[in-house]
Amino acid sequence: MNRNQVVVHGRLKPDGTLELDSKPPLPEGPVEIVIRSVPELQPDAENWWEYLQRARSELEAAGHRFRTREEIDAEIEQVRSGDERFEGEYRRGSRQQPPEQG
């Protein structure tokens, strides 16, 4: 936006007049007005936590099964044990190589 253009929020009244939320920071003189409808926030709209709870309930009702803490812990342990096996193989291979001749 340039200095000669600002966005000011307000409300269109039933009689067609505009009520601005704040005074526009523009000098006195002719202006051009573009009116765009802005959706009002619904006070009863669910927040993000309520959305997550509802989404999970709907998934469970549809038969989706979420992993348990034990299943997640077992998967983490399996991944970690893979790292340990890799490290063991690396160490074993390092010991079997002959020293470099220089």
PDB file of N, CA and C in Angstrom:
ATOM      1  N   MET A   1       0.826  -1.178   0.000  1.00  0.00           N
ATOM      2  CA  MET A   1       0.000   0.000   0.000  1.00  0.00           C
ATOM      3  C   MET A   1       0.872   1.244   0.000  1.00  0.00           C
ATOM      4  N   ASN A   2       0.399   2.269  -0.666  1.00  0.00           N
ATOM      5  CA  ASN A   2       1.144   3.522  -0.638  1.00  0.00           C
ATOM      6  C   ASN A   2       0.555   4.462   0.404  1.00  0.00           C
ATOM      7  N   ARG A   3       1.150   5.627   0.541  1.00  0.00           N
ATOM      8  CA  ARG A   3       0.715   6.580   1.578  1.00  0.00           C
ATOM      9  C   ARG A   3      -0.683   7.120   1.351  1.00  0.00           C
ATOM     10  N   ASN A   4      -1.149   7.101   0.124  1.00  0.00           N
ATOM     11  CA  ASN A   4      -2.460   7.660  -0.190  1.00  0.00           C
ATOM     12  C   ASN A   4      -3.563   6.622  -0.110  1.00  0.00           C
ATOM     13  N   GLN A   5      -3.238   5.457   0.400  1.00  0.00           N
ATOM     14  CA  GLN A   5      -4.225   4.379   0.483  1.00  0.00           C
ATOM     15  C   GLN A   5      -4.148   3.731   1.857  1.00  0.00           C
ATOM     16  N   VAL A   6      -5.267   3.568   2.510  1.00  0.00           N
ATOM     17  CA  VAL A   6      -5.321   2.914   3.817  1.00  0.00           C
ATOM     18  C   VAL A   6      -6.523   1.977   3.843  1.00  0.00           C
ATOM     19  N   VAL A   7      -6.488   1.031   4.772  1.00  0.00           N
ATOM     20  CA  VAL A   7      -7.634   0.143   4.997  1.00  0.00           C
ATOM     21  C   VAL A   7      -8.210   0.511   6.353  1.00  0.00           C
ATOM     22  N   VAL A   8      -9.480   0.842   6.348  1.00  0.00           N
ATOM     23  CA  VAL A   8     -10.174   1.178   7.586  1.00  0.00           C
ATOM     24  C   VAL A   8     -11.391   0.277   7.671  1.00  0.00           C
ATOM     25  N   HIS A   9     -11.557  -0.371   8.790  1.00  0.00           N
ATOM     26  CA  HIS A   9     -12.705  -1.249   8.974  1.00  0.00           C
ATOM     27  C   HIS A   9     -13.872  -0.461   9.542  1.00  0.00           C
ATOM     28  N   GLY A  10     -15.050  -0.959   9.286  1.00  0.00           N
ATOM     29  CA  GLY A  10     -16.243  -0.293   9.779  1.00  0.00           C
ATOM     30  C   GLY A  10     -17.456  -1.174   9.565  1.00  0.00           C
ATOM     31  N   ARG A  11     -18.618  -0.531   9.580  1.00  0.00           N
ATOM     32  CA  ARG A  11     -19.869  -1.273   9.448  1.00  0.00           C
ATOM     33  C   ARG A  11     -20.806  -0.498   8.542  1.00  0.00           C
ATOM     34  N   LEU A  12     -21.439  -1.221   7.609  1.00  0.00           N
ATOM     35  CA  LEU A  12     -22.451  -0.641   6.743  1.00  0.00           C
ATOM     36  C   LEU A  12     -23.789  -0.736   7.465  1.00  0.00           C
ATOM     37  N   LYS A  13     -24.428   0.400   7.648  1.00  0.00           N
ATOM     38  CA  LYS A  13     -25.701   0.437   8.379  1.00  0.00           C
ATOM     39  C   LYS A  13     -26.862   0.182   7.420  1.00  0.00           C
ATOM     40  N   PRO A  14     -28.017  -0.206   7.939  1.00  0.00           N
ATOM     41  CA  PRO A  14     -29.178  -0.503   7.087  1.00  0.00           C
ATOM     42  C   PRO A  14     -29.588   0.659   6.179  1.00  0.00           C
ATOM     43  N   ASP A  15     -29.340   1.891   6.613  1.00  0.00           N
ATOM     44  CA  ASP A  15     -29.726   3.035   5.781  1.00  0.00           C
ATOM     45  C   ASP A  15     -28.677   3.374   4.722  1.00  0.00           C
ATOM     46  N   GLY A  16     -27.581   2.586   4.637  1.00  0.00           N
ATOM     47  CA  GLY A  16     -26.558   2.793   3.619  1.00  0.00           C
ATOM     48  C   GLY A  16     -25.394   3.648   4.073  1.00  0.00           C
ATOM     49  N   THR A  17     -25.442   4.164   5.284  1.00  0.00           N
ATOM     50  CA  THR A  17     -24.320   4.965   5.771  1.00  0.00           C
ATOM     51  C   THR A  17     -23.227   4.047   6.301  1.00  0.00           C
ATOM     52  N   LEU A  18     -22.024   4.577   6.355  1.00  0.00           N
ATOM     53  CA  LEU A  18     -20.875   3.834   6.861  1.00  0.00           C
ATOM     54  C   LEU A  18     -20.485   4.358   8.234  1.00  0.00           C
ATOM     55  N   GLU A  19     -20.181   3.449   9.138  1.00  0.00           N
ATOM     56  CA  GLU A  19     -19.638   3.810  10.449  1.00  0.00           C
ATOM     57  C   GLU A  19     -18.235   3.230  10.501  1.00  0.00           C
ATOM     58  N   LEU A  20     -17.226   4.098  10.565  1.00  0.00           N
ATOM     59  CA  LEU A  20     -15.835   3.647  10.562  1.00  0.00           C
ATOM     60  C   LEU A  20     -15.364   3.363  11.978  1.00  0.00           C
ATOM     61  N   ASP A  21     -14.509   2.337  12.115  1.00  0.00           N
ATOM     62  CA  ASP A  21     -13.960   1.981  13.427  1.00  0.00           C
ATOM     63  C   ASP A  21     -12.906   2.987  13.894  1.00  0.00           C
ATOM     64  N   SER A  22     -12.259   3.660  12.949  1.00  0.00           N
ATOM     65  CA  SER A  22     -11.236   4.645  13.309  1.00  0.00           C
ATOM     66  C   SER A  22     -11.175   5.719  12.230  1.00  0.00           C
ATOM     67  N   LYS A  23     -10.557   6.832  12.565  1.00  0.00           N
ATOM     68  CA  LYS A  23     -10.413   7.936  11.625  1.00  0.00           C
ATOM     69  C   LYS A  23      -9.304   7.583  10.640  1.00  0.00           C
ATOM     70  N   PRO A  24      -9.567   7.694   9.340  1.00  0.00           N
ATOM     71  CA  PRO A  24      -8.518   7.390   8.355  1.00  0.00           C
ATOM     72  C   PRO A  24      -7.378   8.410   8.442  1.00  0.00           C
ATOM     73  N   PRO A  25      -6.140   7.935   8.386  1.00  0.00           N
ATOM     74  CA  PRO A  25      -4.998   8.850   8.469  1.00  0.00           C
ATOM     75  C   PRO A  25      -4.676   9.461   7.099  1.00  0.00           C
ATOM     76  N   LEU A  26      -5.649  10.135   6.512  1.00  0.00           N
ATOM     77  CA  LEU A  26      -5.478  10.778   5.206  1.00  0.00           C
ATOM     78  C   LEU A  26      -5.832  12.255   5.326  1.00  0.00           C
ATOM     79  N   PRO A  27      -5.276  13.074   4.443  1.00  0.00           N
ATOM     80  CA  PRO A  27      -5.640  14.488   4.478  1.00  0.00           C
ATOM     81  C   PRO A  27      -7.065  14.693   3.976  1.00  0.00           C
ATOM     82  N   GLU A  28      -7.647  15.802   4.352  1.00  0.00           N
ATOM     83  CA  GLU A  28      -8.991  16.154   3.916  1.00  0.00           C
ATOM     84  C   GLU A  28      -8.997  16.314   2.397  1.00  0.00           C
ATOM     85  N   GLY A  29     -10.067  15.885   1.772  1.00  0.00           N
ATOM     86  CA  GLY A  29     -10.203  16.024   0.322  1.00  0.00           C
ATOM     87  C   GLY A  29     -10.972  14.858  -0.251  1.00  0.00           C
ATOM     88  N   PRO A  30     -11.076  14.831  -1.587  1.00  0.00           N
ATOM     89  CA  PRO A  30     -11.833  13.761  -2.221  1.00  0.00           C
ATOM     90  C   PRO A  30     -11.163  12.395  -2.003  1.00  0.00           C
ATOM     91  N   VAL A  31     -11.972  11.363  -1.875  1.00  0.00           N
ATOM     92  CA  VAL A  31     -11.474   9.996  -1.703  1.00  0.00           C
ATOM     93  C   VAL A  31     -12.306   9.054  -2.561  1.00  0.00           C
ATOM     94  N   GLU A  32     -11.791   7.889  -2.781  1.00  0.00           N
ATOM     95  CA  GLU A  32     -12.522   6.829  -3.470  1.00  0.00           C
ATOM     96  C   GLU A  32     -12.731   5.714  -2.458  1.00  0.00           C
ATOM     97  N   ILE A  33     -13.939   5.185  -2.394  1.00  0.00           N
ATOM     98  CA  ILE A  33     -14.253   4.162  -1.404  1.00  0.00           C
ATOM     99  C   ILE A  33     -14.613   2.866  -2.118  1.00  0.00           C
ATOM    100  N   VAL A  34     -13.969   1.785  -1.715  1.00  0.00           N
ATOM    101  CA  VAL A  34     -14.294   0.445  -2.193  1.00  0.00           C
ATOM    102  C   VAL A  34     -14.845  -0.307  -0.988  1.00  0.00           C
ATOM    103  N   ILE A  35     -16.040  -0.834  -1.122  1.00  0.00           N
ATOM    104  CA  ILE A  35     -16.664  -1.550  -0.006  1.00  0.00           C
ATOM    105  C   ILE A  35     -16.611  -3.046  -0.297  1.00  0.00           C
ATOM    106  N   ARG A  36     -16.063  -3.803   0.635  1.00  0.00           N
ATOM    107  CA  ARG A  36     -15.959  -5.252   0.503  1.00  0.00           C
ATOM    108  C   ARG A  36     -16.549  -5.876   1.758  1.00  0.00           C
ATOM    109  N   SER A  37     -17.431  -6.811   1.592  1.00  0.00           N
ATOM    110  CA  SER A  37     -18.044  -7.487   2.736  1.00  0.00           C
ATOM    111  C   SER A  37     -17.015  -8.378   3.421  1.00  0.00           C
ATOM    112  N   VAL A  38     -16.980  -8.322   4.738  1.00  0.00           N
ATOM    113  CA  VAL A  38     -16.061  -9.131   5.536  1.00  0.00           C
ATOM    114  C   VAL A  38     -16.909 -10.034   6.415  1.00  0.00           C
ATOM    115  N   PRO A  39     -16.652 -11.353   6.391  1.00  0.00           N
ATOM    116  CA  PRO A  39     -17.462 -12.245   7.232  1.00  0.00           C
ATOM    117  C   PRO A  39     -17.252 -11.950   8.713  1.00  0.00           C
ATOM    118  N   GLU A  40     -18.337 -11.972   9.444  1.00  0.00           N
ATOM    119  CA  GLU A  40     -18.253 -11.761  10.891  1.00  0.00           C
ATOM    120  C   GLU A  40     -17.796 -13.042  11.565  1.00  0.00           C
ATOM    121  N   LEU A  41     -17.030 -12.884  12.625  1.00  0.00           N
ATOM    122  CA  LEU A  41     -16.620 -14.048  13.407  1.00  0.00           C
ATOM    123  C   LEU A  41     -17.819 -14.538  14.200  1.00  0.00           C
ATOM    124  N   GLN A  42     -18.022 -15.827  14.152  1.00  0.00           N
ATOM    125  CA  GLN A  42     -19.127 -16.423  14.889  1.00  0.00           C
ATOM    126  C   GLN A  42     -18.680 -16.686  16.320  1.00  0.00           C
ATOM    127  N   PRO A  43     -19.368 -16.139  17.307  1.00  0.00           N
ATOM    128  CA  PRO A  43     -18.940 -16.354  18.694  1.00  0.00           C
ATOM    129  C   PRO A  43     -19.043 -17.811  19.125  1.00  0.00           C
ATOM    130  N   ASP A  44     -19.905 -18.584  18.470  1.00  0.00           N
ATOM    131  CA  ASP A  44     -20.058 -19.981  18.861  1.00  0.00           C
ATOM    132  C   ASP A  44     -19.199 -20.919  18.009  1.00  0.00           C
ATOM    133  N   ALA A  45     -18.322 -20.361  17.166  1.00  0.00           N
ATOM    134  CA  ALA A  45     -17.446 -21.198  16.346  1.00  0.00           C
ATOM    135  C   ALA A  45     -16.458 -21.933  17.250  1.00  0.00           C
ATOM    136  N   GLU A  46     -16.146 -23.175  16.893  1.00  0.00           N
ATOM    137  CA  GLU A  46     -15.248 -23.958  17.732  1.00  0.00           C
ATOM    138  C   GLU A  46     -13.817 -23.460  17.601  1.00  0.00           C
ATOM    139  N   ASN A  47     -13.065 -23.565  18.681  1.00  0.00           N
ATOM    140  CA  ASN A  47     -11.654 -23.206  18.643  1.00  0.00           C
ATOM    141  C   ASN A  47     -10.850 -24.422  18.163  1.00  0.00           C
ATOM    142  N   TRP A  48      -9.541 -24.264  18.061  1.00  0.00           N
ATOM    143  CA  TRP A  48      -8.715 -25.332  17.484  1.00  0.00           C
ATOM    144  C   TRP A  48      -8.766 -26.605  18.336  1.00  0.00           C
ATOM    145  N   TRP A  49      -8.802 -26.469  19.660  1.00  0.00           N
ATOM    146  CA  TRP A  49      -8.824 -27.647  20.529  1.00  0.00           C
ATOM    147  C   TRP A  49     -10.144 -28.407  20.370  1.00  0.00           C
ATOM    148  N   GLU A  50     -11.244 -27.674  20.324  1.00  0.00           N
ATOM    149  CA  GLU A  50     -12.547 -28.300  20.127  1.00  0.00           C
ATOM    150  C   GLU A  50     -12.609 -28.989  18.766  1.00  0.00           C
ATOM    151  N   TYR A  51     -11.999 -28.355  17.752  1.00  0.00           N
ATOM    152  CA  TYR A  51     -11.952 -28.968  16.425  1.00  0.00           C
ATOM    153  C   TYR A  51     -11.193 -30.294  16.467  1.00  0.00           C
ATOM    154  N   LEU A  52     -10.027 -30.301  17.131  1.00  0.00           N
ATOM    155  CA  LEU A  52      -9.240 -31.535  17.214  1.00  0.00           C
ATOM    156  C   LEU A  52     -10.001 -32.644  17.939  1.00  0.00           C
ATOM    157  N   GLN A  53     -10.671 -32.289  19.029  1.00  0.00           N
ATOM    158  CA  GLN A  53     -11.444 -33.290  19.774  1.00  0.00           C
ATOM    159  C   GLN A  53     -12.580 -33.839  18.909  1.00  0.00           C
ATOM    160  N   ARG A  54     -13.279 -32.953  18.201  1.00  0.00           N
ATOM    161  CA  ARG A  54     -14.384 -33.394  17.352  1.00  0.00           C
ATOM    162  C   ARG A  54     -13.869 -34.266  16.206  1.00  0.00           C
ATOM    163  N   ALA A  55     -12.760 -33.853  15.590  1.00  0.00           N
ATOM    164  CA  ALA A  55     -12.199 -34.623  14.472  1.00  0.00           C
ATOM    165  C   ALA A  55     -11.788 -36.017  14.929  1.00  0.00           C
ATOM    166  N   ARG A  56     -11.167 -36.105  16.095  1.00  0.00           N
ATOM    167  CA  ARG A  56     -10.758 -37.418  16.607  1.00  0.00           C
ATOM    168  C   ARG A  56     -11.977 -38.292  16.898  1.00  0.00           C
ATOM    169  N   SER A  57     -13.003 -37.716  17.512  1.00  0.00           N
ATOM    170  CA  SER A  57     -14.225 -38.468  17.807  1.00  0.00           C
ATOM    171  C   SER A  57     -14.859 -38.995  16.532  1.00  0.00           C
ATOM    172  N   GLU A  58     -14.878 -38.151  15.491  1.00  0.00           N
ATOM    173  CA  GLU A  58     -15.470 -38.581  14.219  1.00  0.00           C
ATOM    174  C   GLU A  58     -14.654 -39.708  13.592  1.00  0.00           C
ATOM    175  N   LEU A  59     -13.324 -39.610  13.667  1.00  0.00           N
ATOM    176  CA  LEU A  59     -12.469 -40.674  13.120  1.00  0.00           C
ATOM    177  C   LEU A  59     -12.666 -41.979  13.888  1.00  0.00           C
ATOM    178  N   GLU A  60     -12.726 -41.897  15.209  1.00  0.00           N
ATOM    179  CA  GLU A  60     -12.944 -43.098  16.017  1.00  0.00           C
ATOM    180  C   GLU A  60     -14.298 -43.719  15.708  1.00  0.00           C
ATOM    181  N   ALA A  61     -15.324 -42.880  15.537  1.00  0.00           N
ATOM    182  CA  ALA A  61     -16.663 -43.387  15.212  1.00  0.00           C
ATOM    183  C   ALA A  61     -16.674 -44.066  13.847  1.00  0.00           C
ATOM    184  N   ALA A  62     -15.786 -43.622  12.953  1.00  0.00           N
ATOM    185  CA  ALA A  62     -15.713 -44.213  11.611  1.00  0.00           C
ATOM    186  C   ALA A  62     -14.835 -45.464  11.602  1.00  0.00           C
ATOM    187  N   GLY A  63     -14.295 -45.848  12.771  1.00  0.00           N
ATOM    188  CA  GLY A  63     -13.519 -47.081  12.852  1.00  0.00           C
ATOM    189  C   GLY A  63     -12.014 -46.891  12.827  1.00  0.00           C
ATOM    190  N   HIS A  64     -11.528 -45.657  12.742  1.00  0.00           N
ATOM    191  CA  HIS A  64     -10.086 -45.430  12.747  1.00  0.00           C
ATOM    192  C   HIS A  64      -9.531 -45.774  14.122  1.00  0.00           C
ATOM    193  N   ARG A  65      -8.378 -46.456  14.143  1.00  0.00           N
ATOM    194  CA  ARG A  65      -7.760 -46.841  15.397  1.00  0.00           C
ATOM    195  C   ARG A  65      -6.448 -46.074  15.540  1.00  0.00           C
ATOM    196  N   PHE A  66      -6.314 -45.337  16.625  1.00  0.00           N
ATOM    197  CA  PHE A  66      -5.088 -44.595  16.893  1.00  0.00           C
ATOM    198  C   PHE A  66      -4.109 -45.486  17.638  1.00  0.00           C
ATOM    199  N   ARG A  67      -2.810 -45.258  17.423  1.00  0.00           N
ATOM    200  CA  ARG A  67      -1.796 -46.048  18.115  1.00  0.00           C
ATOM    201  C   ARG A  67      -1.782 -45.714  19.599  1.00  0.00           C
ATOM    202  N   THR A  68      -1.478 -46.730  20.396  1.00  0.00           N
ATOM    203  CA  THR A  68      -1.372 -46.517  21.843  1.00  0.00           C
ATOM    204  C   THR A  68       0.036 -46.011  22.166  1.00  0.00           C
ATOM    205  N   ARG A  69       0.207 -45.545  23.379  1.00  0.00           N
ATOM    206  CA  ARG A  69       1.523 -45.093  23.820  1.00  0.00           C
ATOM    207  C   ARG A  69       2.530 -46.237  23.736  1.00  0.00           C
ATOM    208  N   GLU A  70       2.087 -47.441  24.107  1.00  0.00           N
ATOM    209  CA  GLU A  70       2.973 -48.608  24.071  1.00  0.00           C
ATOM    210  C   GLU A  70       3.420 -48.899  22.636  1.00  0.00           C
ATOM    211  N   GLU A  71       2.510 -48.796  21.680  1.00  0.00           N
ATOM    212  CA  GLU A  71       2.867 -49.048  20.270  1.00  0.00           C
ATOM    213  C   GLU A  71       3.865 -48.009  19.766  1.00  0.00           C
ATOM    214  N   ILE A  72       3.678 -46.763  20.146  1.00  0.00           N
ATOM    215  CA  ILE A  72       4.597 -45.702  19.728  1.00  0.00           C
ATOM    216  C   ILE A  72       5.972 -45.924  20.354  1.00  0.00           C
ATOM    217  N   ASP A  73       5.998 -46.246  21.660  1.00  0.00           N
ATOM    218  CA  ASP A  73       7.268 -46.500  22.341  1.00  0.00           C
ATOM    219  C   ASP A  73       8.000 -47.688  21.717  1.00  0.00           C
ATOM    220  N   ALA A  74       7.264 -48.740  21.357  1.00  0.00           N
ATOM    221  CA  ALA A  74       7.878 -49.917  20.737  1.00  0.00           C
ATOM    222  C   ALA A  74       8.486 -49.552  19.383  1.00  0.00           C
ATOM    223  N   GLU A  75       7.815 -48.719  18.614  1.00  0.00           N
ATOM    224  CA  GLU A  75       8.347 -48.312  17.311  1.00  0.00           C
ATOM    225  C   GLU A  75       9.611 -47.475  17.477  1.00  0.00           C
ATOM    226  N   ILE A  76       9.603 -46.573  18.457  1.00  0.00           N
ATOM    227  CA  ILE A  76      10.798 -45.755  18.723  1.00  0.00           C
ATOM    228  C   ILE A  76      11.965 -46.653  19.119  1.00  0.00           C
ATOM    229  N   GLU A  77      11.708 -47.645  19.974  1.00  0.00           N
ATOM    230  CA  GLU A  77      12.763 -48.575  20.396  1.00  0.00           C
ATOM    231  C   GLU A  77      13.291 -49.375  19.212  1.00  0.00           C
ATOM    232  N   GLN A  78      12.403 -49.782  18.323  1.00  0.00           N
ATOM    233  CA  GLN A  78      12.822 -50.541  17.141  1.00  0.00           C
ATOM    234  C   GLN A  78      13.735 -49.691  16.259  1.00  0.00           C
ATOM    235  N   VAL A  79      13.383 -48.424  16.079  1.00  0.00           N
ATOM    236  CA  VAL A  79      14.223 -47.533  15.269  1.00  0.00           C
ATOM    237  C   VAL A  79      15.577 -47.333  15.931  1.00  0.00           C
ATOM    238  N   ARG A  80      15.571 -47.127  17.235  1.00  0.00           N
ATOM    239  CA  ARG A  80      16.831 -46.930  17.952  1.00  0.00           C
ATOM    240  C   ARG A  80      17.705 -48.171  17.915  1.00  0.00           C
ATOM    241  N   SER A  81      17.104 -49.353  18.017  1.00  0.00           N
ATOM    242  CA  SER A  81      17.909 -50.582  17.990  1.00  0.00           C
ATOM    243  C   SER A  81      18.535 -50.765  16.614  1.00  0.00           C
ATOM    244  N   GLY A  82      17.885 -50.275  15.590  1.00  0.00           N
ATOM    245  CA  GLY A  82      18.476 -50.317  14.255  1.00  0.00           C
ATOM    246  C   GLY A  82      19.745 -49.493  14.200  1.00  0.00           C
ATOM    247  N   ASP A  83      19.766 -48.357  14.880  1.00  0.00           N
ATOM    248  CA  ASP A  83      20.966 -47.526  14.947  1.00  0.00           C
ATOM    249  C   ASP A  83      22.089 -48.275  15.646  1.00  0.00           C
ATOM    250  N   GLU A  84      21.753 -48.983  16.717  1.00  0.00           N
ATOM    251  CA  GLU A  84      22.770 -49.724  17.470  1.00  0.00           C
ATOM    252  C   GLU A  84      23.350 -50.860  16.623  1.00  0.00           C
ATOM    253  N   ARG A  85      22.489 -51.545  15.862  1.00  0.00           N
ATOM    254  CA  ARG A  85      22.986 -52.616  14.989  1.00  0.00           C
ATOM    255  C   ARG A  85      23.924 -52.036  13.933  1.00  0.00           C
ATOM    256  N   PHE A  86      23.577 -50.911  13.365  1.00  0.00           N
ATOM    257  CA  PHE A  86      24.404 -50.272  12.353  1.00  0.00           C
ATOM    258  C   PHE A  86      25.762 -49.894  12.933  1.00  0.00           C
ATOM    259  N   GLU A  87      25.743 -49.301  14.139  1.00  0.00           N
ATOM    260  CA  GLU A  87      26.993 -48.916  14.794  1.00  0.00           C
ATOM    261  C   GLU A  87      27.867 -50.144  15.056  1.00  0.00           C
ATOM    262  N   GLY A  88      27.253 -51.248  15.499  1.00  0.00           N
ATOM    263  CA  GLY A  88      28.010 -52.478  15.758  1.00  0.00           C
ATOM    264  C   GLY A  88      28.667 -53.005  14.491  1.00  0.00           C
ATOM    265  N   GLU A  89      27.924 -53.000  13.395  1.00  0.00           N
ATOM    266  CA  GLU A  89      28.492 -53.459  12.125  1.00  0.00           C
ATOM    267  C   GLU A  89      29.637 -52.546  11.685  1.00  0.00           C
ATOM    268  N   TYR A  90      29.479 -51.265  11.875  1.00  0.00           N
ATOM    269  CA  TYR A  90      30.521 -50.306  11.489  1.00  0.00           C
ATOM    270  C   TYR A  90      31.797 -50.553  12.288  1.00  0.00           C
ATOM    271  N   ARG A  91      31.638 -50.748  13.625  1.00  0.00           N
ATOM    272  CA  ARG A  91      32.810 -50.998  14.462  1.00  0.00           C
ATOM    273  C   ARG A  91      33.502 -52.306  14.072  1.00  0.00           C
ATOM    274  N   ARG A  92      32.694 -53.346  13.817  1.00  0.00           N
ATOM    275  CA  ARG A  92      33.244 -54.637  13.434  1.00  0.00           C
ATOM    276  C   ARG A  92      34.016 -54.519  12.121  1.00  0.00           C
ATOM    277  N   GLY A  93      33.468 -53.782  11.160  1.00  0.00           N
ATOM    278  CA  GLY A  93      34.143 -53.599   9.875  1.00  0.00           C
ATOM    279  C   GLY A  93      35.415 -52.791  10.010  1.00  0.00           C
ATOM    280  N   SER A  94      35.437 -51.820  10.893  1.00  0.00           N
ATOM    281  CA  SER A  94      36.627 -50.987  11.093  1.00  0.00           C
ATOM    282  C   SER A  94      37.773 -51.806  11.675  1.00  0.00           C
ATOM    283  N   ARG A  95      37.453 -52.759  12.551  1.00  0.00           N
ATOM    284  CA  ARG A  95      38.500 -53.589  13.173  1.00  0.00           C
ATOM    285  C   ARG A  95      39.079 -54.568  12.189  1.00  0.00           C
ATOM    286  N   GLN A  96      38.316 -54.981  11.185  1.00  0.00           N
ATOM    287  CA  GLN A  96      38.785 -56.004  10.244  1.00  0.00           C
ATOM    288  C   GLN A  96      39.609 -55.424   9.109  1.00  0.00           C
ATOM    289  N   GLN A  97      39.593 -54.109   8.918  1.00  0.00           N
ATOM    290  CA  GLN A  97      40.392 -53.529   7.833  1.00  0.00           C
ATOM    291  C   GLN A  97      41.839 -53.439   8.244  1.00  0.00           C
ATOM    292  N   PRO A  98      42.734 -53.769   7.311  1.00  0.00           N
ATOM    293  CA  PRO A  98      44.161 -53.647   7.632  1.00  0.00           C
ATOM    294  C   PRO A  98      44.546 -52.167   7.730  1.00  0.00           C
ATOM    295  N   PRO A  99      45.546 -51.829   8.563  1.00  0.00           N
ATOM    296  CA  PRO A  99      45.969 -50.443   8.670  1.00  0.00           C
ATOM    297  C   PRO A  99      46.521 -49.963   7.333  1.00  0.00           C
ATOM    298  N   GLU A 100      46.351 -48.680   7.056  1.00  0.00           N
ATOM    299  CA  GLU A 100      46.809 -48.114   5.785  1.00  0.00           C
ATOM    300  C   GLU A 100      48.327 -47.983   5.803  1.00  0.00           C
ATOM    301  N   GLN A 101      48.947 -48.302   4.659  1.00  0.00           N
ATOM    302  CA  GLN A 101      50.396 -48.197   4.495  1.00  0.00           C
ATOM    303  C   GLN A 101      50.691 -46.802   3.936  1.00  0.00           C
ATOM    304  N   GLY A 102      51.597 -46.077   4.500  1.00  0.00           N
ATOM    305  CA  GLY A 102      51.822 -44.739   4.010  1.00  0.00           C
ATOM    306  C   GLY A 102      53.158 -44.416   3.609  1.00  0.00           C
TER     307      GLY A 102
END
